[in-house]
Amino acid sequence: MSAASTTSTSNTPATCAAFCTSLGIPYSGTEYANECYCSTTSPTTVSTACTMACTGDSTQICGGANALSVVYTTIPTLPATNSTKRGLCWPWNNPASSFAFFSPSAIPWLYNWELWDPRSAGTYSTAEYVPMCRTQAEASQVSAYFSSCYANYLLGFNEPDLPSANGGDYLSPYNASILWKQYIQPVKASCGTALGAPAVTNGVGSGWGTDWLRQFFGNCTSPSCSFDFIPFHWYGTSLSDFETYVTNFHSLFPTYPLWITEWQFTGISSTTTAYLEKQALQWLDAQNYVARYAMFGPMNSANMAGITNGAMITDDLSGLTNVGKIYAGLM
């Protein structure tokens, strides 16, 4: 039983089953009193050596030495869904042919971390393209791109709180505010474009995530700066953590619509990802303060920065994975 595991001082067959079913895994097994294991298939052997009292309730049995107390829980099947909130975070090196796997009627907008539109003529052309000023290097290019007022929305800096040592392009809140006033805010005046604040990570601590964003807002105040919505990112292991983070983010910035421009579950199987994805999509669609979202990512595993469980496109680029089919509203 290797799909997932946890150890807990409050372990019982019921808490273990709840842990596994929260990941979309039907079989749960307790062992050594405090260990919980999950599996998508039934164990092939049956042990009679389950004699250890559960750490969470000594009146119950939680397996034994190399012996599992197994519980099966039916996993509910959720219907396929579409949403006008749903978008594609499209990597710059995705082949244009991959657009054929998605329908703009089901996923009506996209962005690609760039200022240039990745679509060739007629390819996914009815979807709305949203450009992004990804780093400080692109800031001076914004005015040229918007000379024709070619987009209704503009996304601000991408993960400016992420240090270069972590693979990011760090930008201090103060310097970001200077660039915003000089290059991004003028687009609002000249084109009426709706501006999305810089999209931070869900890192915690000084200078990370919402702390970076609060410092930025302190340096970039009205009337020199304005923001129509706030994008942000989330990566983590559980649906409850995702829902809690989004809810708390909204409570910090309650007057702004939210765009979750990158999010994905990490450290789990693609099967579990697909199960959590369905629940997450339905939850996001029910939150009126979440205006748009784009799950990472509509690409094959080679482009997923190690988060291969979330790849929506097969490795040979021939079609969609189950994760992709769910996001496309096909299953």
Protein backbone atom coordinates (compact mmCIF):
# COMPACT_ATOMS: atom_id res chain seq x y z
CA MET A 1 0.00 0.00 0.00
CA SER A 2 2.25 2.73 -1.31
CA ALA A 3 0.02 5.41 -2.87
CA ALA A 4 0.33 7.63 0.23
CA SER A 5 1.12 7.32 3.93
CA THR A 6 1.14 9.23 7.19
CA THR A 7 1.98 8.67 10.85
CA SER A 8 -0.21 10.05 13.62
CA THR A 9 -0.62 9.83 17.39
CA SER A 10 -4.38 10.05 16.79
CA ASN A 11 -4.41 7.16 14.33
CA THR A 12 -7.54 4.97 14.06
CA PRO A 13 -9.02 3.03 11.12
CA ALA A 14 -11.51 5.90 10.67
CA THR A 15 -8.91 8.70 10.64
CA CYS A 16 -6.74 6.67 8.28
CA ALA A 17 -9.69 6.08 5.94
CA ALA A 18 -10.50 9.79 6.03
CA PHE A 19 -6.89 10.65 5.12
CA CYS A 20 -6.87 8.25 2.18
CA THR A 21 -10.29 9.19 0.83
CA SER A 22 -9.33 12.88 0.99
CA LEU A 23 -6.72 11.94 -1.60
CA GLY A 24 -9.21 9.97 -3.66
CA ILE A 25 -7.73 6.61 -2.61
CA PRO A 26 -10.26 3.91 -1.59
CA TYR A 27 -8.12 1.44 0.40
CA SER A 28 -6.63 2.40 3.76
CA GLY A 29 -4.58 0.28 6.12
CA THR A 30 -3.35 0.85 9.67
CA GLU A 31 -0.13 -0.75 10.91
CA TYR A 32 2.13 -0.61 13.99
CA ALA A 33 -0.62 1.29 15.87
CA ASN A 34 0.28 4.74 14.48
CA GLU A 35 0.92 4.21 10.75
CA CYS A 36 -1.59 4.78 7.95
CA TYR A 37 -1.14 3.60 4.35
CA CYS A 38 -3.27 4.12 1.24
CA SER A 39 -3.69 2.05 -1.91
CA THR A 40 -5.72 2.19 -5.10
CA THR A 41 -5.94 -1.63 -5.11
CA SER A 42 -6.77 -4.18 -2.44
CA PRO A 43 -3.83 -5.83 -0.65
CA THR A 44 -3.18 -9.30 -2.06
CA THR A 45 -2.63 -11.01 1.31
CA VAL A 46 -4.70 -11.17 4.48
CA SER A 47 -2.99 -11.08 7.86
CA THR A 48 -4.37 -12.39 11.15
CA ALA A 49 -1.67 -10.71 13.26
CA CYS A 50 -3.52 -7.42 13.78
CA THR A 51 -3.25 -7.01 17.55
CA MET A 52 -1.90 -3.50 18.21
CA ALA A 53 -4.10 -0.90 19.89
CA CYS A 54 -4.51 2.33 17.92
CA THR A 55 -2.59 5.34 19.18
CA GLY A 56 -5.75 7.40 18.72
CA ASP A 57 -8.07 4.98 20.53
CA SER A 58 -6.74 2.05 22.55
CA THR A 59 -10.07 0.21 22.25
CA GLN A 60 -9.54 -0.21 18.49
CA ILE A 61 -7.00 -2.29 16.56
CA CYS A 62 -4.57 -0.65 14.13
CA GLY A 63 -2.73 -3.55 12.55
CA GLY A 64 0.37 -5.10 13.98
CA ALA A 65 3.98 -5.84 13.16
CA ASN A 66 3.93 -6.05 9.35
CA ALA A 67 0.18 -6.59 9.54
CA LEU A 68 -2.46 -4.23 8.13
CA SER A 69 -6.02 -3.57 9.25
CA VAL A 70 -7.62 -2.66 5.90
CA VAL A 71 -10.71 -0.53 5.26
CA TYR A 72 -12.36 0.06 1.86
CA THR A 73 -14.28 3.30 1.25
CA THR A 74 -16.27 4.03 -1.91
CA ILE A 75 -14.96 7.12 -3.70
CA PRO A 76 -17.81 9.24 -5.16
CA THR A 77 -17.75 10.03 -8.87
CA LEU A 78 -18.06 13.72 -9.71
CA PRO A 79 -19.48 14.95 -13.04
CA ALA A 80 -17.44 16.67 -15.74
CA THR A 81 -17.60 20.47 -15.60
CA ASN A 82 -16.79 23.54 -17.67
CA SER A 83 -16.36 27.10 -16.45
CA THR A 84 -15.84 30.56 -17.90
CA LYS A 85 -13.28 31.08 -15.12
CA ARG A 86 -11.01 28.36 -16.49
CA GLY A 87 -7.88 29.29 -18.44
CA LEU A 88 -4.68 27.82 -19.88
CA CYS A 89 -1.20 28.75 -18.64
CA TRP A 90 0.44 27.98 -21.97
CA PRO A 91 4.23 27.37 -22.08
CA TRP A 92 6.08 29.26 -24.78
CA ASN A 93 7.52 26.06 -26.29
CA ASN A 94 4.27 24.07 -26.53
CA PRO A 95 3.59 23.01 -30.13
CA ALA A 96 0.68 24.86 -31.72
CA SER A 97 -0.89 21.49 -32.53
CA SER A 98 -1.58 20.98 -28.80
CA PHE A 99 -4.25 23.69 -28.91
CA ALA A 100 -6.44 21.12 -30.68
CA PHE A 101 -6.77 19.17 -27.42
CA PHE A 102 -8.69 22.02 -25.77
CA SER A 103 -11.87 23.91 -26.66
CA PRO A 104 -12.19 27.68 -26.18
CA SER A 105 -15.85 27.16 -25.35
CA ALA A 106 -14.77 25.14 -22.29
CA ILE A 107 -11.56 27.04 -21.47
CA PRO A 108 -12.11 30.58 -22.79
CA TRP A 109 -8.86 32.38 -21.94
CA LEU A 110 -5.11 31.81 -21.84
CA TYR A 111 -1.80 33.39 -20.97
CA ASN A 112 1.80 32.35 -21.62
CA TRP A 113 3.97 34.32 -19.16
CA GLU A 114 4.81 36.65 -22.07
CA LEU A 115 3.62 39.81 -23.83
CA TRP A 116 3.29 38.07 -27.20
CA ASP A 117 0.32 35.96 -28.26
CA PRO A 118 1.38 32.31 -28.81
CA ARG A 119 -1.46 31.48 -31.21
CA SER A 120 -1.07 31.32 -34.95
CA ALA A 121 -3.93 32.63 -37.09
CA GLY A 122 -7.11 30.70 -36.50
CA THR A 123 -5.64 28.48 -33.76
CA TYR A 124 -7.70 28.77 -30.56
CA SER A 125 -8.42 32.26 -31.88
CA THR A 126 -11.78 32.74 -30.16
CA ALA A 127 -10.23 32.46 -26.69
CA GLU A 128 -9.11 35.62 -24.91
CA TYR A 129 -5.36 36.17 -24.69
CA VAL A 130 -4.04 37.83 -21.52
CA PRO A 131 -0.44 39.14 -21.73
CA MET A 132 1.96 39.31 -18.80
CA CYS A 133 4.90 41.54 -17.87
CA ARG A 134 6.77 38.59 -16.37
CA THR A 135 10.01 40.20 -15.14
CA GLN A 136 11.66 43.58 -14.85
CA ALA A 137 13.37 42.90 -18.20
CA GLU A 138 10.01 43.04 -20.02
CA ALA A 139 8.73 46.19 -18.29
CA SER A 140 10.15 48.61 -20.87
CA GLN A 141 8.43 46.64 -23.68
CA VAL A 142 4.90 47.07 -22.31
CA SER A 143 4.20 50.44 -23.94
CA ALA A 144 5.17 49.20 -27.40
CA TYR A 145 2.95 46.14 -27.13
CA PHE A 146 0.03 48.23 -25.89
CA SER A 147 0.38 50.90 -28.57
CA SER A 148 -2.56 49.13 -30.22
CA CYS A 149 -4.37 48.42 -26.93
CA TYR A 150 -4.43 44.75 -27.94
CA ALA A 151 -5.66 43.22 -24.67
CA ASN A 152 -8.30 43.90 -22.05
CA TYR A 153 -6.15 42.62 -19.18
CA LEU A 154 -2.48 42.75 -18.23
CA LEU A 155 -0.88 40.48 -15.64
CA GLY A 156 1.88 41.98 -13.51
CA PHE A 157 5.24 40.52 -12.48
CA ASN A 158 5.45 36.73 -12.07
CA GLU A 159 6.63 35.47 -8.67
CA PRO A 160 8.76 38.55 -7.89
CA ASP A 161 9.18 37.22 -4.33
CA LEU A 162 11.09 34.14 -5.55
CA PRO A 163 14.88 34.58 -5.09
CA SER A 164 17.25 33.77 -7.93
CA ALA A 165 18.74 31.03 -5.74
CA ASN A 166 15.35 29.31 -5.97
CA GLY A 167 15.12 29.75 -9.73
CA GLY A 168 13.21 33.02 -9.65
CA ASP A 169 13.78 36.55 -10.88
CA TYR A 170 13.58 38.43 -7.59
CA LEU A 171 12.35 42.01 -7.60
CA SER A 172 12.09 44.02 -4.40
CA PRO A 173 8.67 45.49 -3.53
CA TYR A 174 10.12 49.00 -3.84
CA ASN A 175 11.75 48.45 -7.25
CA ALA A 176 8.61 46.71 -8.47
CA SER A 177 6.58 49.77 -7.50
CA ILE A 178 8.92 52.07 -9.44
CA LEU A 179 8.61 49.94 -12.58
CA TRP A 180 4.85 49.71 -12.13
CA LYS A 181 4.44 53.47 -12.01
CA GLN A 182 6.73 54.00 -15.00
CA TYR A 183 5.65 51.25 -17.38
CA ILE A 184 2.51 49.39 -16.31
CA GLN A 185 0.19 52.00 -14.81
CA PRO A 186 0.26 54.15 -18.00
CA VAL A 187 -1.48 51.29 -19.86
CA LYS A 188 -4.50 51.84 -17.64
CA ALA A 189 -4.69 55.49 -18.70
CA SER A 190 -4.04 54.95 -22.41
CA CYS A 191 -6.05 51.76 -23.01
CA GLY A 192 -8.33 51.28 -20.03
CA THR A 193 -6.68 47.90 -19.49
CA ALA A 194 -7.54 46.05 -16.28
CA LEU A 195 -4.33 45.52 -14.31
CA GLY A 196 -3.48 42.44 -12.27
CA ALA A 197 -1.08 42.94 -9.36
CA PRO A 198 2.17 40.94 -9.24
CA ALA A 199 1.50 37.23 -8.72
CA VAL A 200 3.34 35.99 -5.63
CA THR A 201 4.09 32.44 -4.51
CA ASN A 202 2.46 30.84 -1.49
CA GLY A 203 5.78 30.98 0.33
CA VAL A 204 5.60 32.03 3.98
CA GLY A 205 7.82 34.31 6.04
CA SER A 206 9.33 37.74 5.66
CA GLY A 207 9.61 38.83 2.03
CA TRP A 208 7.60 35.90 0.70
CA GLY A 209 4.07 35.58 -0.65
CA THR A 210 1.51 37.87 0.91
CA ASP A 211 4.20 39.66 2.95
CA TRP A 212 5.95 40.72 -0.28
CA LEU A 213 2.59 41.79 -1.73
CA ARG A 214 1.71 43.91 1.29
CA GLN A 215 5.09 45.66 1.09
CA PHE A 216 4.51 46.27 -2.62
CA PHE A 217 1.06 47.77 -2.01
CA GLY A 218 2.63 50.00 0.65
CA ASN A 219 5.05 51.37 -1.96
CA CYS A 220 2.56 51.49 -4.82
CA THR A 221 -0.40 53.57 -3.66
CA SER A 222 -3.22 55.47 -5.33
CA PRO A 223 -3.31 57.52 -7.50
CA SER A 224 0.12 56.46 -8.82
CA CYS A 225 -0.86 52.79 -8.81
CA SER A 226 -4.13 50.96 -9.26
CA PHE A 227 -5.08 47.29 -9.38
CA ASP A 228 -8.23 45.68 -10.72
CA PHE A 229 -7.56 42.14 -9.51
CA ILE A 230 -4.90 40.11 -7.69
CA PRO A 231 -3.32 37.00 -9.23
CA PHE A 232 -1.40 34.54 -7.05
CA HIS A 233 0.04 31.02 -7.07
CA TRP A 234 -0.38 27.95 -4.88
CA TYR A 235 1.43 24.60 -4.82
CA GLY A 236 0.83 22.03 -2.09
CA THR A 237 -0.25 18.53 -1.19
CA SER A 238 -3.87 18.65 -0.03
CA LEU A 239 -7.22 20.00 -1.11
CA SER A 240 -7.99 21.33 2.37
CA ASP A 241 -4.73 23.32 2.40
CA PHE A 242 -5.60 24.76 -1.02
CA GLU A 243 -9.09 25.81 0.04
CA THR A 244 -7.79 27.28 3.30
CA TYR A 245 -5.06 29.25 1.54
CA VAL A 246 -7.42 30.71 -1.05
CA THR A 247 -9.97 31.60 1.63
CA ASN A 248 -7.32 33.29 3.79
CA PHE A 249 -5.92 35.16 0.78
CA HIS A 250 -9.37 36.54 0.10
CA SER A 251 -9.71 37.63 3.72
CA LEU A 252 -6.44 39.60 3.41
CA PHE A 253 -7.55 41.37 0.22
CA PRO A 254 -11.36 41.20 0.35
CA THR A 255 -12.09 44.00 -2.13
CA TYR A 256 -10.25 42.44 -5.07
CA PRO A 257 -11.30 39.66 -7.46
CA LEU A 258 -8.73 36.85 -7.38
CA TRP A 259 -7.03 35.10 -10.29
CA ILE A 260 -5.15 31.91 -9.37
CA THR A 261 -2.79 31.86 -12.34
CA GLU A 262 -0.80 28.81 -11.22
CA TRP A 263 -1.90 26.01 -8.90
CA GLN A 264 -1.23 22.32 -8.62
CA PHE A 265 -0.98 19.47 -6.14
CA THR A 266 2.51 18.12 -5.57
CA GLY A 267 4.06 14.92 -4.28
CA ILE A 268 1.12 12.68 -5.22
CA SER A 269 0.19 10.34 -8.06
CA SER A 270 -1.56 11.42 -11.24
CA THR A 271 -4.57 9.32 -10.19
CA THR A 272 -4.88 11.19 -6.91
CA THR A 273 -4.27 14.48 -8.71
CA ALA A 274 -7.21 13.80 -11.01
CA TYR A 275 -9.49 13.09 -8.05
CA LEU A 276 -8.45 16.22 -6.13
CA GLU A 277 -8.61 18.29 -9.32
CA LYS A 278 -12.31 17.54 -9.82
CA GLN A 279 -13.12 18.62 -6.29
CA ALA A 280 -10.93 21.72 -6.55
CA LEU A 281 -12.52 22.83 -9.82
CA GLN A 282 -16.01 22.57 -8.38
CA TRP A 283 -14.93 24.45 -5.26
CA LEU A 284 -13.27 27.25 -7.26
CA ASP A 285 -16.32 27.63 -9.47
CA ALA A 286 -18.47 28.08 -6.36
CA GLN A 287 -16.35 30.92 -4.90
CA ASN A 288 -17.66 34.20 -6.31
CA TYR A 289 -14.46 36.07 -5.38
CA VAL A 290 -12.37 33.75 -7.59
CA ALA A 291 -12.74 35.39 -10.99
CA ARG A 292 -10.35 33.19 -12.99
CA TYR A 293 -7.92 30.32 -12.53
CA ALA A 294 -5.36 28.39 -14.58
CA MET A 295 -4.14 25.02 -13.35
CA PHE A 296 -0.54 24.05 -14.01
CA GLY A 297 -0.25 22.73 -16.59
CA PRO A 298 -1.42 22.13 -20.18
CA MET A 299 1.83 20.48 -21.25
CA ASN A 300 3.63 17.14 -21.13
CA SER A 301 5.67 16.00 -18.14
CA ALA A 302 8.96 17.28 -19.60
CA ASN A 303 7.66 20.85 -19.21
CA MET A 304 6.21 20.42 -15.72
CA ALA A 305 9.26 21.49 -13.67
CA GLY A 306 9.20 18.17 -11.83
CA ILE A 307 5.46 18.20 -11.03
CA THR A 308 4.82 15.41 -13.52
CA ASN A 309 1.61 14.24 -11.83
CA GLY A 310 -0.15 17.39 -13.08
CA ALA A 311 0.73 17.09 -16.77
CA MET A 312 -2.40 17.52 -18.91
CA ILE A 313 -0.79 16.34 -22.17
CA THR A 314 0.73 12.91 -22.78
CA ASP A 315 4.49 12.63 -23.08
CA ASP A 316 4.29 11.87 -26.81
CA LEU A 317 2.05 14.93 -27.35
CA SER A 318 -0.67 12.76 -28.87
CA GLY A 319 -3.55 13.67 -26.56
CA LEU A 320 -4.73 14.47 -23.05
CA THR A 321 -4.01 12.64 -19.82
CA ASN A 322 -6.89 12.06 -17.41
CA VAL A 323 -5.82 15.23 -15.59
CA GLY A 324 -6.10 17.08 -18.90
CA LYS A 325 -9.44 15.51 -19.81
CA ILE A 326 -10.93 16.61 -16.50
CA TYR A 327 -9.65 20.16 -16.95
CA ALA A 328 -11.01 20.20 -20.51
CA GLY A 329 -14.43 19.14 -19.21
CA LEU A 330 -14.30 15.79 -20.97
CA MET A 331 -14.55 13.48 -17.94
